[in-house]
Amino acid sequence: MKLRIEDNTLRLRLSPEEVTSFHQTGRLETIVSLGPSVSDRFTYALQRDETATDSVPSISYTSGRIVVRLPTAIADAWSLSEQIGIHGSMEVAEKQLVHILIEKDLSCKH
């Protein structure tokens, strides 16, 4: 899974194998070690959210960890279809939005 952050946009791109794995398990996670200590890790994840009450992606951040959550119905429909991307926006502060994109990386050469 690839992560790209530019300005106020967060974008995840998943290979076909990762899309399948996400559909089966409901979660993908990548850990990037930035030093020798456990506290030197940066983690990002995509997670199915069975408790979501809305129909858009959401995001949370805590101490070196970004989690993008997709409502179950949206996650399942996307992972089982030809739909390439999901997008949404989330207000993180007054008049400040983060745009969230989750895409299938069909030309992925991992």
C-alpha atoms as a PDB file:
ATOM      1  CA  MET A   1       0.000   0.000   0.000  1.00  0.00           C
ATOM      2  CA  LYS A   2       1.353   3.381  -0.946  1.00  0.00           C
ATOM      3  CA  LEU A   3       0.750   6.593   0.982  1.00  0.00           C
ATOM      4  CA  ARG A   4       0.994  10.031  -0.541  1.00  0.00           C
ATOM      5  CA  ILE A   5       0.421  13.224   1.404  1.00  0.00           C
ATOM      6  CA  GLU A   6       0.282  16.524  -0.405  1.00  0.00           C
ATOM      7  CA  ASP A   7      -0.990  19.718   1.192  1.00  0.00           C
ATOM      8  CA  ASN A   8      -4.318  18.731   2.764  1.00  0.00           C
ATOM      9  CA  THR A   9      -4.820  15.540   0.756  1.00  0.00           C
ATOM     10  CA  LEU A  10      -4.053  12.010   1.901  1.00  0.00           C
ATOM     11  CA  ARG A  11      -4.024   9.328  -0.785  1.00  0.00           C
ATOM     12  CA  LEU A  12      -3.724   5.552  -0.417  1.00  0.00           C
ATOM     13  CA  ARG A  13      -3.094   3.308  -3.431  1.00  0.00           C
ATOM     14  CA  LEU A  14      -3.559  -0.438  -3.207  1.00  0.00           C
ATOM     15  CA  SER A  15      -2.312  -3.152  -5.552  1.00  0.00           C
ATOM     16  CA  PRO A  16      -4.883  -5.740  -6.720  1.00  0.00           C
ATOM     17  CA  GLU A  17      -3.521  -8.208  -4.132  1.00  0.00           C
ATOM     18  CA  GLU A  18      -3.871  -5.638  -1.378  1.00  0.00           C
ATOM     19  CA  VAL A  19      -7.463  -4.892  -2.411  1.00  0.00           C
ATOM     20  CA  THR A  20      -8.230  -8.622  -2.125  1.00  0.00           C
ATOM     21  CA  SER A  21      -6.506  -8.857   1.255  1.00  0.00           C
ATOM     22  CA  PHE A  22      -8.361  -5.780   2.516  1.00  0.00           C
ATOM     23  CA  HIS A  23     -11.679  -7.287   1.435  1.00  0.00           C
ATOM     24  CA  GLN A  24     -10.898 -10.551   3.222  1.00  0.00           C
ATOM     25  CA  THR A  25      -9.465  -9.152   6.462  1.00  0.00           C
ATOM     26  CA  GLY A  26     -10.901  -5.644   6.723  1.00  0.00           C
ATOM     27  CA  ARG A  27      -7.487  -4.132   7.462  1.00  0.00           C
ATOM     28  CA  LEU A  28      -4.147  -3.313   5.852  1.00  0.00           C
ATOM     29  CA  GLU A  29      -1.247  -1.791   7.733  1.00  0.00           C
ATOM     30  CA  THR A  30       2.206  -0.605   6.764  1.00  0.00           C
ATOM     31  CA  ILE A  31       4.940   0.143   9.292  1.00  0.00           C
ATOM     32  CA  VAL A  32       7.882   2.331   8.307  1.00  0.00           C
ATOM     33  CA  SER A  33      10.877   2.159  10.640  1.00  0.00           C
ATOM     34  CA  LEU A  34      12.574   5.546  10.866  1.00  0.00           C
ATOM     35  CA  GLY A  35      15.087   4.605  13.543  1.00  0.00           C
ATOM     36  CA  PRO A  36      16.174   1.805  15.887  1.00  0.00           C
ATOM     37  CA  SER A  37      13.464   2.277  18.511  1.00  0.00           C
ATOM     38  CA  VAL A  38       9.829   1.160  18.438  1.00  0.00           C
ATOM     39  CA  SER A  39       8.900   4.802  18.993  1.00  0.00           C
ATOM     40  CA  ASP A  40      10.677   5.643  15.706  1.00  0.00           C
ATOM     41  CA  ARG A  41       7.992   3.905  13.651  1.00  0.00           C
ATOM     42  CA  PHE A  42       5.425   5.559  11.425  1.00  0.00           C
ATOM     43  CA  THR A  43       2.330   3.444  10.751  1.00  0.00           C
ATOM     44  CA  TYR A  44      -0.489   3.925   8.297  1.00  0.00           C
ATOM     45  CA  ALA A  45      -3.510   1.706   7.924  1.00  0.00           C
ATOM     46  CA  LEU A  46      -6.738   1.225   6.013  1.00  0.00           C
ATOM     47  CA  GLN A  47      -9.508  -0.289   8.087  1.00  0.00           C
ATOM     48  CA  ARG A  48     -13.110  -1.335   7.532  1.00  0.00           C
ATOM     49  CA  ASP A  49     -15.306   0.539  10.018  1.00  0.00           C
ATOM     50  CA  GLU A  50     -18.337  -1.472  11.052  1.00  0.00           C
ATOM     51  CA  THR A  51     -19.495   1.239  13.450  1.00  0.00           C
ATOM     52  CA  ALA A  52     -19.526   4.121  10.928  1.00  0.00           C
ATOM     53  CA  THR A  53     -22.776   6.032  10.742  1.00  0.00           C
ATOM     54  CA  ASP A  54     -21.949   8.024   7.614  1.00  0.00           C
ATOM     55  CA  SER A  55     -20.980   7.006   4.098  1.00  0.00           C
ATOM     56  CA  VAL A  56     -17.601   8.690   3.663  1.00  0.00           C
ATOM     57  CA  PRO A  57     -14.034   7.795   4.631  1.00  0.00           C
ATOM     58  CA  SER A  58     -12.671   9.183   7.882  1.00  0.00           C
ATOM     59  CA  ILE A  59      -9.202   9.545   9.288  1.00  0.00           C
ATOM     60  CA  SER A  60      -7.572   9.550  12.706  1.00  0.00           C
ATOM     61  CA  TYR A  61      -4.052  10.387  13.786  1.00  0.00           C
ATOM     62  CA  THR A  62      -2.243   9.527  17.022  1.00  0.00           C
ATOM     63  CA  SER A  63       1.485   9.468  17.752  1.00  0.00           C
ATOM     64  CA  GLY A  64       2.949   8.407  14.414  1.00  0.00           C
ATOM     65  CA  ARG A  65      -0.143   6.458  13.334  1.00  0.00           C
ATOM     66  CA  ILE A  66      -2.645   7.366  10.611  1.00  0.00           C
ATOM     67  CA  VAL A  67      -5.757   5.214  10.235  1.00  0.00           C
ATOM     68  CA  VAL A  68      -8.136   5.692   7.320  1.00  0.00           C
ATOM     69  CA  ARG A  69     -11.521   4.122   8.008  1.00  0.00           C
ATOM     70  CA  LEU A  70     -14.089   3.075   5.421  1.00  0.00           C
ATOM     71  CA  PRO A  71     -17.698   2.286   6.288  1.00  0.00           C
ATOM     72  CA  THR A  72     -18.311  -1.421   5.707  1.00  0.00           C
ATOM     73  CA  ALA A  73     -20.830  -1.017   2.873  1.00  0.00           C
ATOM     74  CA  ILE A  74     -18.529   1.384   1.003  1.00  0.00           C
ATOM     75  CA  ALA A  75     -15.454  -0.807   1.585  1.00  0.00           C
ATOM     76  CA  ASP A  76     -17.175  -3.969   0.354  1.00  0.00           C
ATOM     77  CA  ALA A  77     -18.769  -2.328  -2.686  1.00  0.00           C
ATOM     78  CA  TRP A  78     -15.448  -0.787  -3.725  1.00  0.00           C
ATOM     79  CA  SER A  79     -13.296  -3.862  -3.181  1.00  0.00           C
ATOM     80  CA  LEU A  80     -15.658  -6.138  -5.130  1.00  0.00           C
ATOM     81  CA  SER A  81     -16.315  -3.826  -8.069  1.00  0.00           C
ATOM     82  CA  GLU A  82     -14.517  -2.193 -10.978  1.00  0.00           C
ATOM     83  CA  GLN A  83     -14.719   1.153  -9.164  1.00  0.00           C
ATOM     84  CA  ILE A  84     -11.211   2.619  -9.040  1.00  0.00           C
ATOM     85  CA  GLY A  85     -11.451   5.162  -6.268  1.00  0.00           C
ATOM     86  CA  ILE A  86     -13.252   6.436  -3.235  1.00  0.00           C
ATOM     87  CA  HIS A  87     -12.964  10.004  -2.105  1.00  0.00           C
ATOM     88  CA  GLY A  88     -14.263  12.119   0.709  1.00  0.00           C
ATOM     89  CA  SER A  89     -13.416  15.069   2.877  1.00  0.00           C
ATOM     90  CA  MET A  90     -13.317  15.406   6.624  1.00  0.00           C
ATOM     91  CA  GLU A  91     -13.321  18.580   8.665  1.00  0.00           C
ATOM     92  CA  VAL A  92     -10.425  18.429  11.128  1.00  0.00           C
ATOM     93  CA  ALA A  93     -10.688  21.989  12.438  1.00  0.00           C
ATOM     94  CA  GLU A  94     -12.944  24.939  11.761  1.00  0.00           C
ATOM     95  CA  LYS A  95     -12.910  25.553   7.995  1.00  0.00           C
ATOM     96  CA  GLN A  96     -10.015  23.108   7.559  1.00  0.00           C
ATOM     97  CA  LEU A  97     -10.587  19.968   5.506  1.00  0.00           C
ATOM     98  CA  VAL A  98      -8.505  16.896   4.823  1.00  0.00           C
ATOM     99  CA  HIS A  99      -9.294  15.248   1.505  1.00  0.00           C
ATOM    100  CA  ILE A 100      -9.066  11.452   1.522  1.00  0.00           C
ATOM    101  CA  LEU A 101      -8.531   9.331  -1.597  1.00  0.00           C
ATOM    102  CA  ILE A 102      -8.353   5.541  -1.681  1.00  0.00           C
ATOM    103  CA  GLU A 103      -7.523   4.068  -5.086  1.00  0.00           C
ATOM    104  CA  LYS A 104      -6.845   0.777  -6.788  1.00  0.00           C
ATOM    105  CA  ASP A 105      -3.370   0.895  -8.339  1.00  0.00           C
ATOM    106  CA  LEU A 106      -4.074  -1.228 -11.410  1.00  0.00           C
ATOM    107  CA  SER A 107      -0.729  -0.556 -13.058  1.00  0.00           C
ATOM    108  CA  CYS A 108       1.160  -1.445  -9.890  1.00  0.00           C
ATOM    109  CA  LYS A 109       4.503  -3.189 -10.501  1.00  0.00           C
ATOM    110  CA  HIS A 110       5.360  -4.247  -6.902  1.00  0.00           C
END
